[in-house]
Amino acid sequence: MRHSILAMTLSVSAMLTGCATTQDEGVDGTASASAAAVLLAADGSSRGEAKVTEASDGLHIMVDARGLTPGMHAVHIHGTGSCTPPDFTSAGGHWNPGNRQHGRDNPAGMHMGDMPNMIAGADGSGQMEYVIPGARLNNGAMPMLDADGAAIVIHAQADDNKSDPAGNAGGRVACGVISGG
């Protein structure tokens, strides 16, 4: 009896180990690249984290932000991996390898770095998940992590999803350099 319980325990343990997700496993279950960013305010205080995971359908962006003014905030991928305070303009414009105009509602848009707005609750925290279709982290014709890298930026206001070049989203209140991959 004791031997069969031990065998069953080892068998269940082996099955559970086989089901575990590894850090290098993408959201679609295949091995893939991932990257992350620590979001900081101009004073260096933490504003959260972002994670980027490459999958067969594109880049999955997950943002977990805190310390924001309650309300709607634009979140974009910017084309340069630099976050120099106080205004974070070192991150450059939106990631736009296809040389398109800005905004999901712009008939001539959109930048690859254009993403939906994020709502920060009364406590200043907000979460967002978005897939950039067809995008790749560091391979393909237009990788996000090219020679000068990329950054994720949270803006003070909402993106109007049509005005070029940045959707009237206001100042940059948090920035994180995307690294890894």
Protein backbone atom coordinates (compact mmCIF):
# COMPACT_ATOMS: atom_id res chain seq x y z
CA MET A 1 0.00 0.00 0.00
CA ARG A 2 2.77 2.39 0.99
CA HIS A 3 4.59 1.65 -2.28
CA SER A 4 1.47 2.41 -4.41
CA ILE A 5 0.87 5.73 -2.61
CA LEU A 6 4.50 6.73 -3.21
CA ALA A 7 4.24 5.74 -6.89
CA MET A 8 0.99 7.68 -7.29
CA THR A 9 2.54 10.76 -5.59
CA LEU A 10 5.56 10.62 -7.89
CA SER A 11 3.30 10.17 -10.93
CA VAL A 12 1.14 13.19 -10.00
CA SER A 13 4.28 15.23 -9.28
CA ALA A 14 5.69 14.37 -12.71
CA MET A 15 2.42 15.35 -14.41
CA LEU A 16 2.32 18.70 -12.59
CA THR A 17 5.95 19.41 -13.44
CA GLY A 18 5.19 18.78 -17.12
CA CYS A 19 2.36 21.35 -16.99
CA ALA A 20 4.42 24.13 -15.44
CA THR A 21 4.93 27.28 -17.49
CA THR A 22 8.48 28.49 -17.92
CA GLN A 23 9.54 32.11 -18.09
CA ASP A 24 10.60 31.60 -21.70
CA GLU A 25 7.25 30.14 -22.77
CA GLY A 26 5.07 32.54 -24.74
CA VAL A 27 1.38 33.18 -24.26
CA ASP A 28 0.62 30.72 -27.06
CA GLY A 29 2.56 27.92 -25.33
CA THR A 30 5.64 28.02 -27.56
CA ALA A 31 9.09 29.19 -26.58
CA SER A 32 9.46 32.88 -27.31
CA ALA A 33 11.33 36.02 -26.44
CA SER A 34 10.22 38.39 -23.71
CA ALA A 35 11.29 41.76 -22.38
CA ALA A 36 10.32 44.06 -19.53
CA ALA A 37 10.43 47.69 -18.45
CA VAL A 38 10.39 49.35 -15.05
CA LEU A 39 8.22 52.46 -15.28
CA LEU A 40 9.57 55.52 -13.46
CA ALA A 41 8.32 59.05 -12.86
CA ALA A 42 10.55 62.08 -13.49
CA ASP A 43 11.62 62.05 -9.81
CA GLY A 44 12.74 58.42 -10.10
CA SER A 45 9.83 56.97 -8.12
CA SER A 46 8.25 53.75 -9.30
CA ARG A 47 5.20 53.90 -11.53
CA GLY A 48 4.94 50.17 -12.23
CA GLU A 49 6.12 47.59 -14.71
CA ALA A 50 5.47 46.46 -18.25
CA LYS A 51 6.10 43.11 -19.85
CA VAL A 52 6.37 42.30 -23.55
CA THR A 53 6.02 38.72 -24.75
CA GLU A 54 6.40 37.62 -28.35
CA ALA A 55 3.83 35.13 -29.60
CA SER A 56 2.78 33.85 -33.02
CA ASP A 57 0.12 36.60 -33.34
CA GLY A 58 2.41 39.50 -32.34
CA LEU A 59 3.68 41.24 -29.22
CA HIS A 60 1.60 40.94 -26.07
CA ILE A 61 2.04 44.06 -23.94
CA MET A 62 1.01 43.97 -20.27
CA VAL A 63 1.21 47.16 -18.20
CA ASP A 64 0.71 47.32 -14.44
CA ALA A 65 0.92 50.99 -13.41
CA ARG A 66 0.57 52.83 -10.10
CA GLY A 67 0.97 56.35 -8.73
CA LEU A 68 -0.91 57.97 -11.62
CA THR A 69 -3.54 60.69 -11.54
CA PRO A 70 -6.94 58.98 -11.62
CA GLY A 71 -8.46 58.98 -15.11
CA MET A 72 -7.57 58.07 -18.68
CA HIS A 73 -3.93 57.87 -19.82
CA ALA A 74 -2.39 57.19 -23.21
CA VAL A 75 0.18 54.38 -23.29
CA HIS A 76 2.54 54.11 -26.25
CA ILE A 77 5.67 52.28 -27.35
CA HIS A 78 8.26 54.92 -28.27
CA GLY A 79 11.03 54.33 -30.78
CA THR A 80 14.13 54.99 -28.66
CA GLY A 81 15.22 53.07 -25.56
CA SER A 82 15.99 56.11 -23.43
CA CYS A 83 14.05 57.67 -20.53
CA THR A 84 15.88 60.84 -19.48
CA PRO A 85 13.89 62.91 -16.96
CA PRO A 86 12.22 65.24 -16.47
CA ASP A 87 10.21 65.10 -19.74
CA PHE A 88 11.31 61.77 -21.24
CA THR A 89 11.56 63.28 -24.72
CA SER A 90 14.70 61.16 -25.14
CA ALA A 91 12.31 58.25 -25.90
CA GLY A 92 11.55 59.95 -29.23
CA GLY A 93 8.28 59.57 -31.09
CA HIS A 94 6.02 56.55 -31.27
CA TRP A 95 7.46 53.32 -32.63
CA ASN A 96 6.57 53.73 -36.30
CA PRO A 97 8.65 51.49 -38.57
CA GLY A 98 5.98 51.60 -41.30
CA ASN A 99 6.09 55.42 -41.46
CA ARG A 100 2.33 55.70 -40.87
CA GLN A 101 0.31 58.48 -39.25
CA HIS A 102 -0.94 58.34 -35.68
CA GLY A 103 -4.08 56.81 -34.29
CA ARG A 104 -6.33 53.80 -34.55
CA ASP A 105 -9.10 56.10 -35.89
CA ASN A 106 -6.86 57.85 -38.43
CA PRO A 107 -7.50 56.47 -41.94
CA ALA A 108 -3.78 56.94 -42.69
CA GLY A 109 -2.69 55.44 -39.33
CA MET A 110 -1.59 53.76 -37.25
CA HIS A 111 1.86 53.60 -35.65
CA MET A 112 2.89 50.17 -34.37
CA GLY A 113 3.42 51.82 -30.99
CA ASP A 114 -0.15 53.17 -30.76
CA MET A 115 -2.08 51.34 -28.05
CA PRO A 116 -5.43 51.82 -26.28
CA ASN A 117 -5.86 54.22 -23.38
CA MET A 118 -5.53 52.91 -19.84
CA ILE A 119 -7.80 53.94 -16.97
CA ALA A 120 -6.18 54.66 -13.61
CA GLY A 121 -8.61 54.15 -10.74
CA ALA A 122 -9.12 56.35 -7.69
CA ASP A 123 -6.03 54.73 -6.12
CA GLY A 124 -3.87 55.72 -9.13
CA SER A 125 -3.38 52.18 -10.39
CA GLY A 126 -4.26 50.83 -13.81
CA GLN A 127 -3.68 47.73 -15.89
CA MET A 128 -3.71 47.22 -19.61
CA GLU A 129 -3.18 44.28 -21.95
CA TYR A 130 -2.83 44.72 -25.70
CA VAL A 131 -1.54 42.75 -28.69
CA ILE A 132 0.42 44.53 -31.41
CA PRO A 133 -0.51 42.26 -34.35
CA GLY A 134 2.38 40.88 -36.38
CA ALA A 135 5.05 42.73 -34.38
CA ARG A 136 8.30 41.08 -33.33
CA LEU A 137 10.61 41.84 -30.43
CA ASN A 138 14.05 41.53 -32.00
CA ASN A 139 13.72 39.74 -35.32
CA GLY A 140 11.90 40.23 -38.58
CA ALA A 141 11.86 43.25 -40.88
CA MET A 142 10.80 45.81 -38.25
CA PRO A 143 11.77 44.63 -34.74
CA MET A 144 10.75 46.68 -31.69
CA LEU A 145 14.20 46.30 -30.15
CA ASP A 146 16.23 47.65 -33.06
CA ALA A 147 19.65 49.34 -32.75
CA ASP A 148 18.35 52.20 -30.55
CA GLY A 149 15.85 50.10 -28.55
CA ALA A 150 12.39 51.12 -27.41
CA ALA A 151 10.58 52.53 -24.39
CA ILE A 152 7.06 52.41 -23.03
CA VAL A 153 5.59 55.79 -22.06
CA ILE A 154 2.50 56.71 -20.06
CA HIS A 155 1.09 60.14 -20.87
CA ALA A 156 -0.79 62.61 -18.67
CA GLN A 157 -3.97 62.50 -20.73
CA ALA A 158 -5.95 60.21 -23.01
CA ASP A 159 -5.01 59.65 -26.65
CA ASP A 160 -7.70 60.94 -29.05
CA ASN A 161 -6.69 58.11 -31.45
CA LYS A 162 -6.55 60.36 -34.52
CA SER A 163 -4.37 63.48 -34.12
CA ASP A 164 -0.91 63.19 -35.63
CA PRO A 165 1.76 62.77 -34.30
CA ALA A 166 0.78 61.81 -30.72
CA GLY A 167 -2.98 62.03 -30.18
CA ASN A 168 -2.96 65.15 -27.97
CA ALA A 169 -2.00 62.89 -25.06
CA GLY A 170 -0.17 65.54 -23.05
CA GLY A 171 3.11 65.27 -21.20
CA ARG A 172 4.99 62.08 -20.47
CA VAL A 173 4.46 61.13 -16.81
CA ALA A 174 6.18 57.73 -16.72
CA CYS A 175 8.76 55.98 -18.87
CA GLY A 176 10.52 52.64 -18.93
CA VAL A 177 13.26 51.32 -21.22
CA ILE A 178 12.25 47.94 -22.66
CA SER A 179 15.07 45.45 -22.19
CA GLY A 180 15.51 41.73 -22.64
CA GLY A 181 14.55 39.62 -25.56
